[in-house]
Amino acid sequence: MYEDLIGQVEEAVERSSNWASTGWKMNFGERALEANSLEEAKELPNSFVFREEAVNYWNQVELSSKDAADAGKQALEALKKGDMRRAVDSVYLSLYIERPYAFGSKTWMSVYEAIQNEAQGVL
């Protein structure tokens, strides 16, 4: 019924699940040293004053990515059952969770727009 949307949500769930490992450009400290993923942050030398900040940032990204992916999985379940209201709400939750990282993650806005367009004829 909603095969195109299901495909988009599946892709977004996969991308969300990997935000901390795939990462995006991020600089830390006065010298703006890059740590573009959780792995890169953990590899910073212990002497780097902002190492803890970088690791904490990417740990938070990892936690948020799991929450966004979980909400996306709820949207998938809802779409497969034809429950558009629940699907829209679940994708919105993923978008909301992503908001602090949207400049780099760029995952859920296009999915939310697509599901909103589809929902206009249903809700």
N, C-alpha and C. Protein backbone atom coordinates (compact mmCIF):
# COMPACT_ATOMS: atom_id res chain seq x y z
N MET A 1 0.81 -1.19 0.00
CA MET A 1 0.00 0.00 0.00
C MET A 1 0.86 1.26 0.00
N TYR A 2 1.85 1.30 0.89
CA TYR A 2 2.73 2.47 1.01
C TYR A 2 4.18 2.05 0.73
N GLU A 3 4.40 1.29 -0.32
CA GLU A 3 5.72 0.71 -0.58
C GLU A 3 6.82 1.76 -0.69
N ASP A 4 6.54 2.87 -1.38
CA ASP A 4 7.57 3.92 -1.53
C ASP A 4 7.95 4.51 -0.17
N LEU A 5 6.94 4.80 0.64
CA LEU A 5 7.20 5.34 1.97
C LEU A 5 7.94 4.34 2.84
N ILE A 6 7.53 3.09 2.75
CA ILE A 6 8.20 2.04 3.53
C ILE A 6 9.68 1.99 3.18
N GLY A 7 9.99 2.06 1.89
CA GLY A 7 11.39 2.07 1.46
C GLY A 7 12.16 3.26 2.00
N GLN A 8 11.53 4.43 1.97
CA GLN A 8 12.19 5.64 2.49
C GLN A 8 12.44 5.53 3.99
N VAL A 9 11.45 5.01 4.71
CA VAL A 9 11.60 4.88 6.16
C VAL A 9 12.66 3.83 6.48
N GLU A 10 12.68 2.73 5.75
CA GLU A 10 13.71 1.70 5.98
C GLU A 10 15.10 2.28 5.79
N GLU A 11 15.28 3.06 4.73
CA GLU A 11 16.58 3.69 4.47
C GLU A 11 16.94 4.67 5.59
N ALA A 12 15.97 5.44 6.04
CA ALA A 12 16.22 6.41 7.12
C ALA A 12 16.56 5.70 8.43
N VAL A 13 15.90 4.60 8.71
CA VAL A 13 16.20 3.82 9.92
C VAL A 13 17.64 3.34 9.86
N GLU A 14 18.05 2.83 8.71
CA GLU A 14 19.43 2.35 8.54
C GLU A 14 20.43 3.49 8.73
N ARG A 15 20.17 4.63 8.10
CA ARG A 15 21.06 5.78 8.24
C ARG A 15 21.11 6.27 9.68
N SER A 16 19.95 6.35 10.31
CA SER A 16 19.89 6.80 11.71
C SER A 16 20.72 5.92 12.61
N SER A 17 20.62 4.64 12.40
CA SER A 17 21.33 3.68 13.25
C SER A 17 22.84 3.86 13.21
N ASN A 18 23.32 4.54 12.18
CA ASN A 18 24.76 4.66 11.97
C ASN A 18 25.30 6.08 12.10
N TRP A 19 24.52 6.99 12.64
CA TRP A 19 24.99 8.38 12.73
C TRP A 19 26.34 8.50 13.41
N ALA A 20 26.54 7.82 14.52
CA ALA A 20 27.80 7.98 15.28
C ALA A 20 28.98 7.37 14.55
N SER A 21 28.75 6.32 13.77
CA SER A 21 29.87 5.68 13.08
C SER A 21 30.17 6.36 11.74
N THR A 22 29.15 6.80 11.02
CA THR A 22 29.41 7.49 9.75
C THR A 22 29.73 8.96 9.99
N GLY A 23 29.04 9.56 10.97
CA GLY A 23 29.34 10.91 11.41
C GLY A 23 29.17 12.00 10.37
N TRP A 24 29.72 13.14 10.69
CA TRP A 24 29.74 14.33 9.83
C TRP A 24 30.83 15.26 10.37
N LYS A 25 31.11 16.30 9.63
CA LYS A 25 32.21 17.19 10.00
C LYS A 25 31.90 17.90 11.32
N MET A 26 32.78 17.69 12.30
CA MET A 26 32.66 18.34 13.61
C MET A 26 34.04 18.74 14.09
N ASN A 27 34.13 19.94 14.62
CA ASN A 27 35.38 20.45 15.17
C ASN A 27 35.23 20.68 16.67
N PHE A 28 36.31 20.44 17.39
CA PHE A 28 36.30 20.61 18.84
C PHE A 28 37.54 21.38 19.28
N GLY A 29 37.38 22.18 20.30
CA GLY A 29 38.50 22.89 20.88
C GLY A 29 38.83 24.18 20.16
N GLU A 30 39.73 24.92 20.78
CA GLU A 30 40.14 26.22 20.25
C GLU A 30 40.85 26.10 18.91
N ARG A 31 41.51 24.98 18.70
CA ARG A 31 42.21 24.78 17.42
C ARG A 31 41.33 24.11 16.39
N ALA A 32 40.08 23.88 16.75
CA ALA A 32 39.08 23.30 15.85
C ALA A 32 39.56 21.99 15.23
N LEU A 33 40.02 21.09 16.09
CA LEU A 33 40.45 19.78 15.62
C LEU A 33 39.22 18.94 15.27
N GLU A 34 39.32 18.24 14.15
CA GLU A 34 38.20 17.44 13.68
C GLU A 34 38.11 16.11 14.41
N ALA A 35 36.88 15.74 14.71
CA ALA A 35 36.54 14.40 15.19
C ALA A 35 35.17 14.13 14.58
N ASN A 36 35.17 13.51 13.41
CA ASN A 36 33.97 13.40 12.59
C ASN A 36 33.14 12.15 12.85
N SER A 37 33.44 11.42 13.91
CA SER A 37 32.67 10.24 14.28
C SER A 37 33.06 9.85 15.70
N LEU A 38 32.33 8.92 16.26
CA LEU A 38 32.66 8.44 17.61
C LEU A 38 34.03 7.79 17.62
N GLU A 39 34.32 7.03 16.60
CA GLU A 39 35.64 6.37 16.52
C GLU A 39 36.77 7.39 16.49
N GLU A 40 36.62 8.43 15.67
CA GLU A 40 37.65 9.47 15.60
C GLU A 40 37.79 10.20 16.94
N ALA A 41 36.69 10.44 17.61
CA ALA A 41 36.75 11.11 18.91
C ALA A 41 37.51 10.27 19.92
N LYS A 42 37.27 8.97 19.91
CA LYS A 42 37.95 8.08 20.85
C LYS A 42 39.44 7.96 20.54
N GLU A 43 39.82 8.22 19.29
CA GLU A 43 41.22 8.13 18.89
C GLU A 43 42.00 9.41 19.21
N LEU A 44 41.33 10.47 19.61
CA LEU A 44 42.05 11.70 19.98
C LEU A 44 42.96 11.40 21.17
N PRO A 45 44.11 12.04 21.21
CA PRO A 45 45.02 11.80 22.34
C PRO A 45 44.39 12.23 23.67
N ASN A 46 44.71 11.49 24.70
CA ASN A 46 44.19 11.82 26.03
C ASN A 46 44.60 13.22 26.47
N SER A 47 45.69 13.71 25.94
CA SER A 47 46.17 15.05 26.30
C SER A 47 45.34 16.16 25.65
N PHE A 48 44.54 15.82 24.65
CA PHE A 48 43.69 16.81 23.98
C PHE A 48 42.58 17.22 24.95
N VAL A 49 42.58 18.48 25.33
CA VAL A 49 41.68 18.98 26.37
C VAL A 49 40.21 18.72 26.02
N PHE A 50 39.87 18.80 24.77
CA PHE A 50 38.47 18.68 24.36
C PHE A 50 38.10 17.25 23.93
N ARG A 51 38.97 16.29 24.20
CA ARG A 51 38.67 14.89 23.85
C ARG A 51 37.38 14.43 24.51
N GLU A 52 37.24 14.71 25.80
CA GLU A 52 36.04 14.28 26.53
C GLU A 52 34.78 14.90 25.93
N GLU A 53 34.87 16.17 25.56
CA GLU A 53 33.73 16.83 24.92
C GLU A 53 33.36 16.13 23.61
N ALA A 54 34.37 15.80 22.81
CA ALA A 54 34.12 15.13 21.53
C ALA A 54 33.50 13.75 21.74
N VAL A 55 34.06 12.99 22.66
CA VAL A 55 33.54 11.64 22.93
C VAL A 55 32.11 11.74 23.46
N ASN A 56 31.87 12.66 24.38
CA ASN A 56 30.52 12.83 24.92
C ASN A 56 29.52 13.23 23.84
N TYR A 57 29.94 14.13 22.95
CA TYR A 57 29.06 14.54 21.85
C TYR A 57 28.66 13.34 21.01
N TRP A 58 29.65 12.56 20.59
CA TRP A 58 29.36 11.42 19.71
C TRP A 58 28.64 10.29 20.46
N ASN A 59 28.88 10.15 21.75
CA ASN A 59 28.08 9.18 22.53
C ASN A 59 26.62 9.60 22.56
N GLN A 60 26.37 10.89 22.70
CA GLN A 60 24.99 11.39 22.68
C GLN A 60 24.37 11.18 21.31
N VAL A 61 25.14 11.40 20.26
CA VAL A 61 24.65 11.14 18.90
C VAL A 61 24.25 9.67 18.78
N GLU A 62 25.08 8.78 19.30
CA GLU A 62 24.78 7.35 19.21
C GLU A 62 23.48 7.01 19.94
N LEU A 63 23.29 7.55 21.13
CA LEU A 63 22.05 7.30 21.87
C LEU A 63 20.84 7.86 21.13
N SER A 64 20.97 9.06 20.61
CA SER A 64 19.87 9.68 19.88
C SER A 64 19.57 8.92 18.59
N SER A 65 20.62 8.42 17.96
CA SER A 65 20.41 7.69 16.71
C SER A 65 19.59 6.43 16.95
N LYS A 66 19.83 5.78 18.06
CA LYS A 66 19.05 4.57 18.38
C LYS A 66 17.59 4.92 18.65
N ASP A 67 17.37 6.03 19.35
CA ASP A 67 15.99 6.46 19.62
C ASP A 67 15.27 6.84 18.32
N ALA A 68 15.95 7.56 17.44
CA ALA A 68 15.34 7.94 16.16
C ALA A 68 15.05 6.71 15.31
N ALA A 69 15.97 5.76 15.30
CA ALA A 69 15.75 4.52 14.55
C ALA A 69 14.59 3.72 15.13
N ASP A 70 14.49 3.67 16.45
CA ASP A 70 13.37 2.96 17.08
C ASP A 70 12.03 3.58 16.69
N ALA A 71 11.95 4.89 16.70
CA ALA A 71 10.72 5.56 16.29
C ALA A 71 10.45 5.29 14.81
N GLY A 72 11.50 5.24 14.01
CA GLY A 72 11.35 4.90 12.60
C GLY A 72 10.82 3.49 12.40
N LYS A 73 11.26 2.57 13.23
CA LYS A 73 10.75 1.19 13.17
C LYS A 73 9.27 1.15 13.53
N GLN A 74 8.86 1.99 14.46
CA GLN A 74 7.43 2.08 14.80
C GLN A 74 6.64 2.62 13.60
N ALA A 75 7.23 3.56 12.88
CA ALA A 75 6.58 4.09 11.68
C ALA A 75 6.44 2.99 10.62
N LEU A 76 7.47 2.18 10.47
CA LEU A 76 7.40 1.07 9.51
C LEU A 76 6.27 0.12 9.86
N GLU A 77 6.20 -0.24 11.11
CA GLU A 77 5.15 -1.13 11.58
C GLU A 77 3.77 -0.53 11.30
N ALA A 78 3.62 0.75 11.57
CA ALA A 78 2.35 1.43 11.34
C ALA A 78 2.00 1.47 9.85
N LEU A 79 2.98 1.77 9.01
CA LEU A 79 2.72 1.81 7.56
C LEU A 79 2.28 0.44 7.05
N LYS A 80 2.93 -0.59 7.53
CA LYS A 80 2.58 -1.95 7.08
C LYS A 80 1.17 -2.35 7.51
N LYS A 81 0.69 -1.73 8.59
CA LYS A 81 -0.68 -1.99 9.07
C LYS A 81 -1.69 -0.99 8.51
N GLY A 82 -1.19 -0.01 7.74
CA GLY A 82 -2.08 1.00 7.18
C GLY A 82 -2.48 2.09 8.16
N ASP A 83 -1.77 2.22 9.26
CA ASP A 83 -2.08 3.21 10.29
C ASP A 83 -1.27 4.49 10.02
N MET A 84 -1.79 5.32 9.14
CA MET A 84 -1.06 6.51 8.70
C MET A 84 -0.85 7.50 9.84
N ARG A 85 -1.82 7.69 10.72
CA ARG A 85 -1.67 8.64 11.83
C ARG A 85 -0.48 8.26 12.70
N ARG A 86 -0.39 6.98 13.07
CA ARG A 86 0.73 6.53 13.90
C ARG A 86 2.05 6.64 13.14
N ALA A 87 2.02 6.37 11.85
CA ALA A 87 3.24 6.48 11.04
C ALA A 87 3.74 7.92 11.01
N VAL A 88 2.83 8.86 10.79
CA VAL A 88 3.20 10.28 10.77
C VAL A 88 3.77 10.70 12.12
N ASP A 89 3.10 10.30 13.18
CA ASP A 89 3.57 10.66 14.53
C ASP A 89 4.95 10.07 14.82
N SER A 90 5.17 8.84 14.40
CA SER A 90 6.46 8.19 14.66
C SER A 90 7.59 8.83 13.86
N VAL A 91 7.31 9.18 12.61
CA VAL A 91 8.33 9.86 11.80
C VAL A 91 8.60 11.25 12.37
N TYR A 92 7.56 11.92 12.84
CA TYR A 92 7.77 13.22 13.48
C TYR A 92 8.68 13.08 14.70
N LEU A 93 8.48 12.03 15.48
CA LEU A 93 9.33 11.81 16.65
C LEU A 93 10.79 11.62 16.21
N SER A 94 11.01 10.85 15.16
CA SER A 94 12.38 10.69 14.63
C SER A 94 12.96 12.03 14.22
N LEU A 95 12.17 12.83 13.55
CA LEU A 95 12.61 14.16 13.11
C LEU A 95 12.94 15.04 14.32
N TYR A 96 12.11 14.98 15.34
CA TYR A 96 12.33 15.76 16.56
C TYR A 96 13.62 15.34 17.25
N ILE A 97 13.85 14.04 17.35
CA ILE A 97 15.07 13.52 17.97
C ILE A 97 16.29 13.95 17.18
N GLU A 98 16.16 13.99 15.88
CA GLU A 98 17.28 14.35 15.00
C GLU A 98 17.61 15.84 15.04
N ARG A 99 16.67 16.66 15.42
CA ARG A 99 16.80 18.11 15.28
C ARG A 99 18.15 18.68 15.73
N PRO A 100 18.71 18.31 16.89
CA PRO A 100 20.00 18.89 17.29
C PRO A 100 21.16 18.52 16.36
N TYR A 101 20.98 17.50 15.54
CA TYR A 101 22.06 17.02 14.67
C TYR A 101 21.72 17.16 13.19
N ALA A 102 20.58 17.75 12.88
CA ALA A 102 20.08 17.76 11.51
C ALA A 102 21.04 18.41 10.52
N PHE A 103 21.87 19.35 10.98
CA PHE A 103 22.83 19.99 10.07
C PHE A 103 23.81 18.97 9.50
N GLY A 104 24.05 17.89 10.21
CA GLY A 104 24.99 16.87 9.74
C GLY A 104 24.33 15.57 9.34
N SER A 105 23.28 15.19 10.05
CA SER A 105 22.67 13.88 9.81
C SER A 105 21.76 13.88 8.59
N LYS A 106 20.97 14.90 8.42
CA LYS A 106 20.11 15.08 7.23
C LYS A 106 19.37 13.79 6.86
N THR A 107 18.62 13.24 7.79
CA THR A 107 17.97 11.96 7.56
C THR A 107 16.46 12.04 7.47
N TRP A 108 15.81 12.68 8.42
CA TRP A 108 14.37 12.50 8.58
C TRP A 108 13.49 13.58 7.95
N MET A 109 14.01 14.75 7.60
CA MET A 109 13.16 15.81 7.06
C MET A 109 12.49 15.39 5.76
N SER A 110 13.23 14.83 4.83
CA SER A 110 12.63 14.43 3.55
C SER A 110 11.60 13.32 3.74
N VAL A 111 11.84 12.43 4.69
CA VAL A 111 10.88 11.36 4.98
C VAL A 111 9.60 11.97 5.57
N TYR A 112 9.77 12.91 6.48
CA TYR A 112 8.61 13.56 7.09
C TYR A 112 7.79 14.30 6.03
N GLU A 113 8.45 15.01 5.14
CA GLU A 113 7.74 15.72 4.08
C GLU A 113 6.98 14.75 3.19
N ALA A 114 7.61 13.63 2.85
CA ALA A 114 6.96 12.63 2.00
C ALA A 114 5.74 12.01 2.69
N ILE A 115 5.88 11.69 3.95
CA ILE A 115 4.76 11.06 4.66
C ILE A 115 3.64 12.06 4.90
N GLN A 116 3.98 13.33 5.11
CA GLN A 116 2.96 14.37 5.24
C GLN A 116 2.17 14.51 3.95
N ASN A 117 2.87 14.51 2.82
CA ASN A 117 2.19 14.61 1.53
C ASN A 117 1.24 13.44 1.31
N GLU A 118 1.68 12.26 1.64
CA GLU A 118 0.85 11.06 1.49
C GLU A 118 -0.34 11.10 2.45
N ALA A 119 -0.11 11.60 3.64
CA ALA A 119 -1.15 11.61 4.67
C ALA A 119 -2.26 12.61 4.36
N GLN A 120 -1.97 13.64 3.59
CA GLN A 120 -2.99 14.65 3.29
C GLN A 120 -4.23 14.04 2.65
N GLY A 121 -4.04 13.03 1.86
CA GLY A 121 -5.18 12.39 1.22
C GLY A 121 -5.86 11.35 2.09
N VAL A 122 -5.24 11.01 3.22
CA VAL A 122 -5.76 9.93 4.07
C VAL A 122 -6.34 10.46 5.37
N LEU A 123 -5.66 11.43 5.98
CA LEU A 123 -6.08 11.91 7.31
C LEU A 123 -7.07 13.04 7.22
